[in-house]
Amino acid sequence: MIITDKTIKSITLDHLDVRLAVIMPVYGNWEDTSNCLEMLAEQSSRHFRLYLVDDGSPDPAPDSIYTFPFVTHLRRQHAGFAAACNAGVREVVGQECTHVLLLNNDTAFGREFIAYWLAKISAFPKAILSPIIYYYDQPESIWYSGGKHSIVVPFIRLQARFTRQTKVDILTGCVLLVPTQIWQQLNGLDESYVTYYEDFDMMLRARKMGLSAYVVIEPELSVRHKVSRTALRSGWWSREYQMIAARLLFIRRRYSGLGKFACFLIAIPHFCFTLIINLPALPDPRRLAAALRAGISK
């Protein structure tokens, strides 16, 4: 079912049974966060609540954050993306929230974003959903779409240009709609990943349990992503250390047999490629070794 303006008008009363909580993890980067909140403040539908999970940001939130009446600000110690998302969902479970929408703070979207999500939830109340995500600076180029599980998933962004709503194995946590009951059934994100690959891991656990996940194609649901604006503030290699540890953990836990062997083989040239494109910057040997240990020992 494709959502249109006519669909939205026809279900305006029906979707009042949907209680949507937007979960936005934040670690610094208040400028992008403020811009995202301004876009949410301009939504045609106000039938949502935003939970801004401050994951121990090194700098305090600006006063402007507290001027948005739809925002609940949760401050916690720094523990990573997965833990922040889980904390946000725990906050809303007791408030009879029916669905949670994970939303990165470095995304941009249109005025009908929330209204179309409410409509899509009404049409698919028991499915995990994610839109096509585009680059912020190149709005015609796909950053991530989702797709089937294969040995390339740990290394390459899935960028299929879907023309119809499609059932998939893998979706990204950048923008991810999950029914609250399913989130609880899955026990949320695995916090041992800290940051990166926790979303893929949850999607594969959902697939194993027979739960449905779809890429949705409505332009109003899509976002433009500024891509790692928070992570890259600490430098490219700081981000890569996290990626390496999480990637190795994901391969160990979600692949077996020849698939696992192939992934570990691919990881070697993949790291060499990463090393080349980051020149002249080189990784810190100690931090690189720590990342490798984390990936193979958890």
C-alpha atoms as a PDB file:
ATOM      1  CA  MET A   1       0.000   0.000   0.000  1.00  0.00           C
ATOM      2  CA  ILE A   2       1.406   3.361  -1.079  1.00  0.00           C
ATOM      3  CA  ILE A   3       0.511   6.263   1.190  1.00  0.00           C
ATOM      4  CA  THR A   4      -0.870   9.412  -0.459  1.00  0.00           C
ATOM      5  CA  ASP A   5      -2.356  12.682   0.793  1.00  0.00           C
ATOM      6  CA  LYS A   6      -5.792  11.154   0.184  1.00  0.00           C
ATOM      7  CA  THR A   7      -4.862   8.161   2.362  1.00  0.00           C
ATOM      8  CA  ILE A   8      -3.781  10.452   5.172  1.00  0.00           C
ATOM      9  CA  LYS A   9      -7.066  12.356   5.112  1.00  0.00           C
ATOM     10  CA  SER A  10      -9.052   9.109   5.189  1.00  0.00           C
ATOM     11  CA  ILE A  11      -7.294   7.768   8.303  1.00  0.00           C
ATOM     12  CA  THR A  12      -6.977  10.970  10.316  1.00  0.00           C
ATOM     13  CA  LEU A  13      -9.344   9.683  12.981  1.00  0.00           C
ATOM     14  CA  ASP A  14      -8.145   6.069  12.842  1.00  0.00           C
ATOM     15  CA  HIS A  15      -4.519   6.825  13.560  1.00  0.00           C
ATOM     16  CA  LEU A  16      -5.358   8.305  16.948  1.00  0.00           C
ATOM     17  CA  ASP A  17      -4.877   4.754  18.245  1.00  0.00           C
ATOM     18  CA  VAL A  18      -1.218   5.030  17.190  1.00  0.00           C
ATOM     19  CA  ARG A  19       1.048   6.484  19.840  1.00  0.00           C
ATOM     20  CA  LEU A  20       4.370   7.328  18.252  1.00  0.00           C
ATOM     21  CA  ALA A  21       7.564   8.097  20.159  1.00  0.00           C
ATOM     22  CA  VAL A  22      10.550   9.426  18.229  1.00  0.00           C
ATOM     23  CA  ILE A  23      13.823   8.336  19.843  1.00  0.00           C
ATOM     24  CA  MET A  24      16.787  10.570  18.983  1.00  0.00           C
ATOM     25  CA  PRO A  25      20.187   9.650  20.487  1.00  0.00           C
ATOM     26  CA  VAL A  26      22.544  12.610  20.742  1.00  0.00           C
ATOM     27  CA  TYR A  27      26.242  12.897  21.541  1.00  0.00           C
ATOM     28  CA  GLY A  28      27.137  16.537  21.098  1.00  0.00           C
ATOM     29  CA  ASN A  29      26.517  17.983  17.626  1.00  0.00           C
ATOM     30  CA  TRP A  30      23.831  20.299  18.969  1.00  0.00           C
ATOM     31  CA  GLU A  31      23.700  22.346  15.769  1.00  0.00           C
ATOM     32  CA  ASP A  32      22.357  19.457  13.704  1.00  0.00           C
ATOM     33  CA  THR A  33      20.118  18.433  16.586  1.00  0.00           C
ATOM     34  CA  SER A  34      18.580  21.905  16.776  1.00  0.00           C
ATOM     35  CA  ASN A  35      17.981  21.918  13.019  1.00  0.00           C
ATOM     36  CA  CYS A  36      16.278  18.527  13.243  1.00  0.00           C
ATOM     37  CA  LEU A  37      14.054  19.682  16.111  1.00  0.00           C
ATOM     38  CA  GLU A  38      13.028  22.738  14.111  1.00  0.00           C
ATOM     39  CA  MET A  39      11.894  20.463  11.272  1.00  0.00           C
ATOM     40  CA  LEU A  40       9.889  18.380  13.728  1.00  0.00           C
ATOM     41  CA  ALA A  41       8.330  21.545  15.149  1.00  0.00           C
ATOM     42  CA  GLU A  42       7.055  22.396  11.649  1.00  0.00           C
ATOM     43  CA  GLN A  43       5.328  19.037  11.062  1.00  0.00           C
ATOM     44  CA  SER A  44       1.750  19.057   9.830  1.00  0.00           C
ATOM     45  CA  SER A  45       0.921  16.423  12.464  1.00  0.00           C
ATOM     46  CA  ARG A  46       1.828  16.861  16.131  1.00  0.00           C
ATOM     47  CA  HIS A  47       0.692  13.346  17.032  1.00  0.00           C
ATOM     48  CA  PHE A  48       4.082  12.285  18.409  1.00  0.00           C
ATOM     49  CA  ARG A  49       6.494  12.819  21.271  1.00  0.00           C
ATOM     50  CA  LEU A  50      10.263  13.160  20.905  1.00  0.00           C
ATOM     51  CA  TYR A  51      12.661  11.629  23.430  1.00  0.00           C
ATOM     52  CA  LEU A  52      16.054  13.267  23.083  1.00  0.00           C
ATOM     53  CA  VAL A  53      18.522  10.851  24.668  1.00  0.00           C
ATOM     54  CA  ASP A  54      21.671  12.779  25.537  1.00  0.00           C
ATOM     55  CA  ASP A  55      24.351  10.074  25.637  1.00  0.00           C
ATOM     56  CA  GLY A  56      26.704  11.959  27.979  1.00  0.00           C
ATOM     57  CA  SER A  57      27.505  14.756  25.542  1.00  0.00           C
ATOM     58  CA  PRO A  58      30.764  16.536  26.394  1.00  0.00           C
ATOM     59  CA  ASP A  59      29.054  19.915  26.048  1.00  0.00           C
ATOM     60  CA  PRO A  60      25.673  20.787  27.616  1.00  0.00           C
ATOM     61  CA  ALA A  61      22.527  21.151  25.569  1.00  0.00           C
ATOM     62  CA  PRO A  62      21.796  24.718  24.439  1.00  0.00           C
ATOM     63  CA  ASP A  63      18.857  26.482  26.091  1.00  0.00           C
ATOM     64  CA  SER A  64      16.949  26.383  22.801  1.00  0.00           C
ATOM     65  CA  ILE A  65      16.493  22.607  23.189  1.00  0.00           C
ATOM     66  CA  TYR A  66      14.139  23.217  26.117  1.00  0.00           C
ATOM     67  CA  THR A  67      11.846  25.545  24.147  1.00  0.00           C
ATOM     68  CA  PHE A  68      10.292  22.716  22.115  1.00  0.00           C
ATOM     69  CA  PRO A  69       7.153  21.548  23.965  1.00  0.00           C
ATOM     70  CA  PHE A  70       7.145  18.096  22.327  1.00  0.00           C
ATOM     71  CA  VAL A  71      10.663  17.209  23.568  1.00  0.00           C
ATOM     72  CA  THR A  72      11.567  15.142  26.621  1.00  0.00           C
ATOM     73  CA  HIS A  73      15.294  15.491  27.318  1.00  0.00           C
ATOM     74  CA  LEU A  74      16.960  12.468  28.933  1.00  0.00           C
ATOM     75  CA  ARG A  75      20.534  12.879  30.143  1.00  0.00           C
ATOM     76  CA  ARG A  76      22.607   9.744  30.816  1.00  0.00           C
ATOM     77  CA  GLN A  77      26.228   8.623  31.000  1.00  0.00           C
ATOM     78  CA  HIS A  78      27.972   7.972  27.700  1.00  0.00           C
ATOM     79  CA  ALA A  79      27.449   4.333  26.657  1.00  0.00           C
ATOM     80  CA  GLY A  80      26.960   4.403  22.887  1.00  0.00           C
ATOM     81  CA  PHE A  81      24.157   4.425  20.327  1.00  0.00           C
ATOM     82  CA  ALA A  82      22.605   1.059  21.237  1.00  0.00           C
ATOM     83  CA  ALA A  83      22.387   1.831  24.954  1.00  0.00           C
ATOM     84  CA  ALA A  84      20.953   5.296  24.276  1.00  0.00           C
ATOM     85  CA  CYS A  85      18.222   3.880  22.034  1.00  0.00           C
ATOM     86  CA  ASN A  86      17.353   1.200  24.565  1.00  0.00           C
ATOM     87  CA  ALA A  87      17.148   3.804  27.329  1.00  0.00           C
ATOM     88  CA  GLY A  88      14.813   5.927  25.239  1.00  0.00           C
ATOM     89  CA  VAL A  89      12.493   3.011  24.518  1.00  0.00           C
ATOM     90  CA  ARG A  90      12.448   1.968  28.172  1.00  0.00           C
ATOM     91  CA  GLU A  91      11.235   5.468  28.987  1.00  0.00           C
ATOM     92  CA  VAL A  92       8.212   5.178  26.681  1.00  0.00           C
ATOM     93  CA  VAL A  93       7.176   1.561  27.268  1.00  0.00           C
ATOM     94  CA  GLY A  94       5.255   2.448  30.429  1.00  0.00           C
ATOM     95  CA  GLN A  95       3.429   5.225  28.614  1.00  0.00           C
ATOM     96  CA  GLU A  96       1.464   2.928  26.307  1.00  0.00           C
ATOM     97  CA  CYS A  97       3.537   3.905  23.281  1.00  0.00           C
ATOM     98  CA  THR A  98       2.632   1.660  20.323  1.00  0.00           C
ATOM     99  CA  HIS A  99       5.567   2.434  18.010  1.00  0.00           C
ATOM    100  CA  VAL A 100       9.052   3.925  18.238  1.00  0.00           C
ATOM    101  CA  LEU A 101      10.869   5.707  15.439  1.00  0.00           C
ATOM    102  CA  LEU A 102      14.650   5.806  15.784  1.00  0.00           C
ATOM    103  CA  LEU A 103      15.842   8.988  14.099  1.00  0.00           C
ATOM    104  CA  ASN A 104      19.400  10.264  13.735  1.00  0.00           C
ATOM    105  CA  ASN A 105      19.898  13.874  14.727  1.00  0.00           C
ATOM    106  CA  ASP A 106      21.800  14.633  11.486  1.00  0.00           C
ATOM    107  CA  THR A 107      18.841  14.022   9.174  1.00  0.00           C
ATOM    108  CA  ALA A 108      16.539  16.310   7.208  1.00  0.00           C
ATOM    109  CA  PHE A 109      12.995  15.670   6.000  1.00  0.00           C
ATOM    110  CA  GLY A 110       9.799  17.342   4.847  1.00  0.00           C
ATOM    111  CA  ARG A 111       6.794  18.784   6.649  1.00  0.00           C
ATOM    112  CA  GLU A 112       4.643  15.658   6.091  1.00  0.00           C
ATOM    113  CA  PHE A 113       7.230  13.267   7.537  1.00  0.00           C
ATOM    114  CA  ILE A 114       5.330  12.398  10.736  1.00  0.00           C
ATOM    115  CA  ALA A 115       1.890  12.369   9.075  1.00  0.00           C
ATOM    116  CA  TYR A 116       3.065   9.829   6.522  1.00  0.00           C
ATOM    117  CA  TRP A 117       4.651   7.668   9.212  1.00  0.00           C
ATOM    118  CA  LEU A 118       1.357   7.613  11.104  1.00  0.00           C
ATOM    119  CA  ALA A 119      -0.429   6.585   7.929  1.00  0.00           C
ATOM    120  CA  LYS A 120       2.127   3.887   7.164  1.00  0.00           C
ATOM    121  CA  ILE A 121       1.838   2.526  10.706  1.00  0.00           C
ATOM    122  CA  SER A 122      -1.935   2.337  10.323  1.00  0.00           C
ATOM    123  CA  ALA A 123      -1.468   0.292   7.144  1.00  0.00           C
ATOM    124  CA  PHE A 124       1.320  -1.951   8.532  1.00  0.00           C
ATOM    125  CA  PRO A 125       0.969  -1.900  12.337  1.00  0.00           C
ATOM    126  CA  LYS A 126       3.075  -5.028  12.990  1.00  0.00           C
ATOM    127  CA  ALA A 127       6.002  -4.450  10.606  1.00  0.00           C
ATOM    128  CA  ILE A 128       9.486  -2.995  10.997  1.00  0.00           C
ATOM    129  CA  LEU A 129       9.877  -0.197   8.446  1.00  0.00           C
ATOM    130  CA  SER A 130      12.586   2.076   7.100  1.00  0.00           C
ATOM    131  CA  PRO A 131      12.667   4.528   4.180  1.00  0.00           C
ATOM    132  CA  ILE A 132      15.192   5.114   1.432  1.00  0.00           C
ATOM    133  CA  ILE A 133      17.883   7.420   2.828  1.00  0.00           C
ATOM    134  CA  TYR A 134      19.712   9.909   0.621  1.00  0.00           C
ATOM    135  CA  TYR A 135      22.884  11.938   1.050  1.00  0.00           C
ATOM    136  CA  TYR A 136      22.163  15.411   2.414  1.00  0.00           C
ATOM    137  CA  ASP A 137      24.529  17.088  -0.036  1.00  0.00           C
ATOM    138  CA  GLN A 138      23.479  14.859  -2.956  1.00  0.00           C
ATOM    139  CA  PRO A 139      19.717  14.415  -2.526  1.00  0.00           C
ATOM    140  CA  GLU A 140      19.412  12.246  -5.656  1.00  0.00           C
ATOM    141  CA  SER A 141      22.058   9.762  -4.464  1.00  0.00           C
ATOM    142  CA  ILE A 142      21.059   6.932  -2.139  1.00  0.00           C
ATOM    143  CA  TRP A 143      23.099   6.562   1.037  1.00  0.00           C
ATOM    144  CA  TYR A 144      21.251   3.467   2.284  1.00  0.00           C
ATOM    145  CA  SER A 145      18.153   1.536   1.307  1.00  0.00           C
ATOM    146  CA  GLY A 146      18.321  -1.875   2.969  1.00  0.00           C
ATOM    147  CA  GLY A 147      18.155  -5.260   1.277  1.00  0.00           C
ATOM    148  CA  LYS A 148      18.957  -8.955   1.546  1.00  0.00           C
ATOM    149  CA  HIS A 149      21.448 -10.514   3.937  1.00  0.00           C
ATOM    150  CA  SER A 150      24.708 -11.586   2.238  1.00  0.00           C
ATOM    151  CA  ILE A 151      28.456 -11.587   2.824  1.00  0.00           C
ATOM    152  CA  VAL A 152      28.735  -8.005   1.501  1.00  0.00           C
ATOM    153  CA  VAL A 153      26.491  -6.557   4.245  1.00  0.00           C
ATOM    154  CA  PRO A 154      29.374  -5.898   6.720  1.00  0.00           C
ATOM    155  CA  PHE A 155      31.382  -4.009   4.088  1.00  0.00           C
ATOM    156  CA  ILE A 156      29.166  -2.239   1.544  1.00  0.00           C
ATOM    157  CA  ARG A 157      26.156   0.036   1.962  1.00  0.00           C
ATOM    158  CA  LEU A 158      23.042  -1.438   0.356  1.00  0.00           C
ATOM    159  CA  GLN A 159      21.848   1.164  -2.141  1.00  0.00           C
ATOM    160  CA  ALA A 160      19.126  -0.447  -4.245  1.00  0.00           C
ATOM    161  CA  ARG A 161      16.691   2.010  -5.843  1.00  0.00           C
ATOM    162  CA  PHE A 162      13.457   0.282  -4.861  1.00  0.00           C
ATOM    163  CA  THR A 163      10.364   1.233  -6.854  1.00  0.00           C
ATOM    164  CA  ARG A 164       7.870  -0.597  -4.646  1.00  0.00           C
ATOM    165  CA  GLN A 165       7.618  -1.473  -0.986  1.00  0.00           C
ATOM    166  CA  THR A 166       9.870  -4.495  -0.551  1.00  0.00           C
ATOM    167  CA  LYS A 167      10.376  -7.078   2.159  1.00  0.00           C
ATOM    168  CA  VAL A 168      14.039  -7.150   3.220  1.00  0.00           C
ATOM    169  CA  ASP A 169      16.416  -8.655   5.782  1.00  0.00           C
ATOM    170  CA  ILE A 170      18.538  -5.602   6.603  1.00  0.00           C
ATOM    171  CA  LEU A 171      17.536  -2.042   7.526  1.00  0.00           C
ATOM    172  CA  THR A 172      19.496   0.753   9.163  1.00  0.00           C
ATOM    173  CA  GLY A 173      18.914   2.395  12.540  1.00  0.00           C
ATOM    174  CA  CYS A 174      19.371   5.852  11.028  1.00  0.00           C
ATOM    175  CA  VAL A 175      15.582   5.909  10.499  1.00  0.00           C
ATOM    176  CA  LEU A 176      13.839   2.799  11.798  1.00  0.00           C
ATOM    177  CA  LEU A 177      10.193   2.316  12.773  1.00  0.00           C
ATOM    178  CA  VAL A 178       9.590  -0.568  15.198  1.00  0.00           C
ATOM    179  CA  PRO A 179       6.366  -1.564  16.970  1.00  0.00           C
ATOM    180  CA  THR A 180       7.016  -1.371  20.704  1.00  0.00           C
ATOM    181  CA  GLN A 181       5.867  -4.961  21.252  1.00  0.00           C
ATOM    182  CA  ILE A 182       8.376  -6.204  18.672  1.00  0.00           C
ATOM    183  CA  TRP A 183      11.147  -4.124  20.256  1.00  0.00           C
ATOM    184  CA  GLN A 184      10.433  -5.794  23.576  1.00  0.00           C
ATOM    185  CA  GLN A 185      10.191  -9.203  21.925  1.00  0.00           C
ATOM    186  CA  LEU A 186      13.687  -8.653  20.477  1.00  0.00           C
ATOM    187  CA  ASN A 187      15.025  -7.194  23.752  1.00  0.00           C
ATOM    188  CA  GLY A 188      16.008  -4.081  21.817  1.00  0.00           C
ATOM    189  CA  LEU A 189      19.487  -3.444  20.461  1.00  0.00           C
ATOM    190  CA  ASP A 190      22.458  -5.515  21.617  1.00  0.00           C
ATOM    191  CA  GLU A 191      24.549  -3.043  23.639  1.00  0.00           C
ATOM    192  CA  SER A 192      27.731  -5.082  23.247  1.00  0.00           C
ATOM    193  CA  TYR A 193      28.045  -3.524  19.775  1.00  0.00           C
ATOM    194  CA  VAL A 194      28.174  -0.057  21.439  1.00  0.00           C
ATOM    195  CA  THR A 195      27.930   1.822  18.107  1.00  0.00           C
ATOM    196  CA  TYR A 196      27.483   0.401  14.565  1.00  0.00           C
ATOM    197  CA  TYR A 197      26.030  -2.930  13.404  1.00  0.00           C
ATOM    198  CA  GLU A 198      23.617  -3.145  16.338  1.00  0.00           C
ATOM    199  CA  ASP A 199      20.785  -2.372  13.919  1.00  0.00           C
ATOM    200  CA  PHE A 200      21.821  -5.107  11.449  1.00  0.00           C
ATOM    201  CA  ASP A 201      22.109  -7.561  14.322  1.00  0.00           C
ATOM    202  CA  MET A 202      18.578  -6.760  15.513  1.00  0.00           C
ATOM    203  CA  MET A 203      17.194  -7.096  11.988  1.00  0.00           C
ATOM    204  CA  LEU A 204      18.675 -10.579  11.590  1.00  0.00           C
ATOM    205  CA  ARG A 205      17.274 -11.602  14.957  1.00  0.00           C
ATOM    206  CA  ALA A 206      13.885 -10.338  13.784  1.00  0.00           C
ATOM    207  CA  ARG A 207      14.170 -12.340  10.566  1.00  0.00           C
ATOM    208  CA  LYS A 208      15.005 -15.479  12.551  1.00  0.00           C
ATOM    209  CA  MET A 209      11.823 -14.953  14.558  1.00  0.00           C
ATOM    210  CA  GLY A 210       9.734 -14.607  11.390  1.00  0.00           C
ATOM    211  CA  LEU A 211       9.031 -10.885  11.817  1.00  0.00           C
ATOM    212  CA  SER A 212       8.400  -8.765   8.719  1.00  0.00           C
ATOM    213  CA  ALA A 213      10.560  -5.794   7.682  1.00  0.00           C
ATOM    214  CA  TYR A 214      10.069  -3.539   4.664  1.00  0.00           C
ATOM    215  CA  VAL A 215      11.740  -0.710   2.794  1.00  0.00           C
ATOM    216  CA  VAL A 216       9.066   1.933   2.195  1.00  0.00           C
ATOM    217  CA  ILE A 217       9.325   4.134  -0.870  1.00  0.00           C
ATOM    218  CA  GLU A 218       7.128   7.190  -0.268  1.00  0.00           C
ATOM    219  CA  PRO A 219       9.248  10.345  -0.836  1.00  0.00           C
ATOM    220  CA  GLU A 220       7.635  11.970   2.209  1.00  0.00           C
ATOM    221  CA  LEU A 221       9.116   9.238   4.421  1.00  0.00           C
ATOM    222  CA  SER A 222      12.634   9.521   3.030  1.00  0.00           C
ATOM    223  CA  VAL A 223      15.354  11.533   4.748  1.00  0.00           C
ATOM    224  CA  ARG A 224      18.564  13.249   3.723  1.00  0.00           C
ATOM    225  CA  HIS A 225      21.454  12.154   5.909  1.00  0.00           C
ATOM    226  CA  LYS A 226      24.495  14.267   6.741  1.00  0.00           C
ATOM    227  CA  VAL A 227      26.419  11.012   7.452  1.00  0.00           C
ATOM    228  CA  SER A 228      28.478  10.553  10.631  1.00  0.00           C
ATOM    229  CA  ARG A 229      28.563  14.237  11.512  1.00  0.00           C
ATOM    230  CA  THR A 230      28.790  13.311  15.199  1.00  0.00           C
ATOM    231  CA  ALA A 231      31.250  10.425  14.870  1.00  0.00           C
ATOM    232  CA  LEU A 232      33.638  12.264  12.561  1.00  0.00           C
ATOM    233  CA  ARG A 233      34.093  15.136  14.987  1.00  0.00           C
ATOM    234  CA  SER A 234      36.595  12.922  16.792  1.00  0.00           C
ATOM    235  CA  GLY A 235      38.427  12.103  13.573  1.00  0.00           C
ATOM    236  CA  TRP A 236      38.047   9.524  10.834  1.00  0.00           C
ATOM    237  CA  TRP A 237      40.142   6.845  12.496  1.00  0.00           C
ATOM    238  CA  SER A 238      38.226   7.168  15.779  1.00  0.00           C
ATOM    239  CA  ARG A 239      35.124   6.213  13.843  1.00  0.00           C
ATOM    240  CA  GLU A 240      36.954   3.379  12.079  1.00  0.00           C
ATOM    241  CA  TYR A 241      38.080   1.803  15.357  1.00  0.00           C
ATOM    242  CA  GLN A 242      34.420   1.520  16.389  1.00  0.00           C
ATOM    243  CA  MET A 243      33.479   0.163  12.975  1.00  0.00           C
ATOM    244  CA  ILE A 244      36.222  -2.477  13.006  1.00  0.00           C
ATOM    245  CA  ALA A 245      35.271  -3.786  16.461  1.00  0.00           C
ATOM    246  CA  ALA A 246      31.550  -3.891  15.665  1.00  0.00           C
ATOM    247  CA  ARG A 247      32.087  -5.418  12.209  1.00  0.00           C
ATOM    248  CA  LEU A 248      34.155  -8.308  13.555  1.00  0.00           C
ATOM    249  CA  LEU A 249      31.609  -8.937  16.309  1.00  0.00           C
ATOM    250  CA  PHE A 250      28.764  -8.905  13.762  1.00  0.00           C
ATOM    251  CA  ILE A 251      30.549 -11.378  11.487  1.00  0.00           C
ATOM    252  CA  ARG A 252      31.284 -13.739  14.381  1.00  0.00           C
ATOM    253  CA  ARG A 253      27.693 -13.703  15.623  1.00  0.00           C
ATOM    254  CA  ARG A 254      25.635 -13.562  12.425  1.00  0.00           C
ATOM    255  CA  TYR A 255      27.578 -15.733   9.980  1.00  0.00           C
ATOM    256  CA  SER A 256      28.628 -19.366  10.043  1.00  0.00           C
ATOM    257  CA  GLY A 257      30.556 -21.865   7.955  1.00  0.00           C
ATOM    258  CA  LEU A 258      31.773 -20.660   4.569  1.00  0.00           C
ATOM    259  CA  GLY A 259      29.936 -17.360   4.955  1.00  0.00           C
ATOM    260  CA  LYS A 260      31.903 -16.486   8.086  1.00  0.00           C
ATOM    261  CA  PHE A 261      35.167 -17.592   6.461  1.00  0.00           C
ATOM    262  CA  ALA A 262      34.433 -15.452   3.374  1.00  0.00           C
ATOM    263  CA  CYS A 263      33.642 -12.411   5.510  1.00  0.00           C
ATOM    264  CA  PHE A 264      36.915 -12.684   7.415  1.00  0.00           C
ATOM    265  CA  LEU A 265      38.782 -12.977   4.100  1.00  0.00           C
ATOM    266  CA  ILE A 266      37.031  -9.896   2.711  1.00  0.00           C
ATOM    267  CA  ALA A 267      37.853  -7.982   5.901  1.00  0.00           C
ATOM    268  CA  ILE A 268      41.566  -8.001   5.032  1.00  0.00           C
ATOM    269  CA  PRO A 269      41.406  -6.176   1.652  1.00  0.00           C
ATOM    270  CA  HIS A 270      38.608  -4.013   3.030  1.00  0.00           C
ATOM    271  CA  PHE A 271      40.917  -2.769   5.794  1.00  0.00           C
ATOM    272  CA  CYS A 272      43.721  -2.196   3.249  1.00  0.00           C
ATOM    273  CA  PHE A 273      41.363  -0.104   1.152  1.00  0.00           C
ATOM    274  CA  THR A 274      40.327   1.884   4.238  1.00  0.00           C
ATOM    275  CA  LEU A 275      43.988   2.464   5.062  1.00  0.00           C
ATOM    276  CA  ILE A 276      44.729   3.782   1.558  1.00  0.00           C
ATOM    277  CA  ILE A 277      41.781   6.175   1.324  1.00  0.00           C
ATOM    278  CA  ASN A 278      42.662   7.653   4.729  1.00  0.00           C
ATOM    279  CA  LEU A 279      46.265   8.449   3.828  1.00  0.00           C
ATOM    280  CA  PRO A 280      48.269  10.335   4.970  1.00  0.00           C
ATOM    281  CA  ALA A 281      46.483   9.730   8.303  1.00  0.00           C
ATOM    282  CA  LEU A 282      47.482   6.423   9.872  1.00  0.00           C
ATOM    283  CA  PRO A 283      45.775   4.474  12.659  1.00  0.00           C
ATOM    284  CA  ASP A 284      47.143   4.479  16.171  1.00  0.00           C
ATOM    285  CA  PRO A 285      48.566   0.941  16.650  1.00  0.00           C
ATOM    286  CA  ARG A 286      47.339   0.649  20.226  1.00  0.00           C
ATOM    287  CA  ARG A 287      43.797   1.777  19.454  1.00  0.00           C
ATOM    288  CA  LEU A 288      43.684  -0.434  16.378  1.00  0.00           C
ATOM    289  CA  ALA A 289      44.825  -3.449  18.419  1.00  0.00           C
ATOM    290  CA  ALA A 290      42.192  -2.642  21.069  1.00  0.00           C
ATOM    291  CA  ALA A 291      39.496  -2.540  18.375  1.00  0.00           C
ATOM    292  CA  LEU A 292      40.604  -5.890  16.985  1.00  0.00           C
ATOM    293  CA  ARG A 293      40.608  -7.435  20.474  1.00  0.00           C
ATOM    294  CA  ALA A 294      37.122  -6.097  21.154  1.00  0.00           C
ATOM    295  CA  GLY A 295      35.843  -7.533  17.895  1.00  0.00           C
ATOM    296  CA  ILE A 296      37.159 -11.022  18.450  1.00  0.00           C
ATOM    297  CA  SER A 297      36.769 -11.424  22.211  1.00  0.00           C
ATOM    298  CA  LYS A 298      33.229 -10.297  23.087  1.00  0.00           C
END
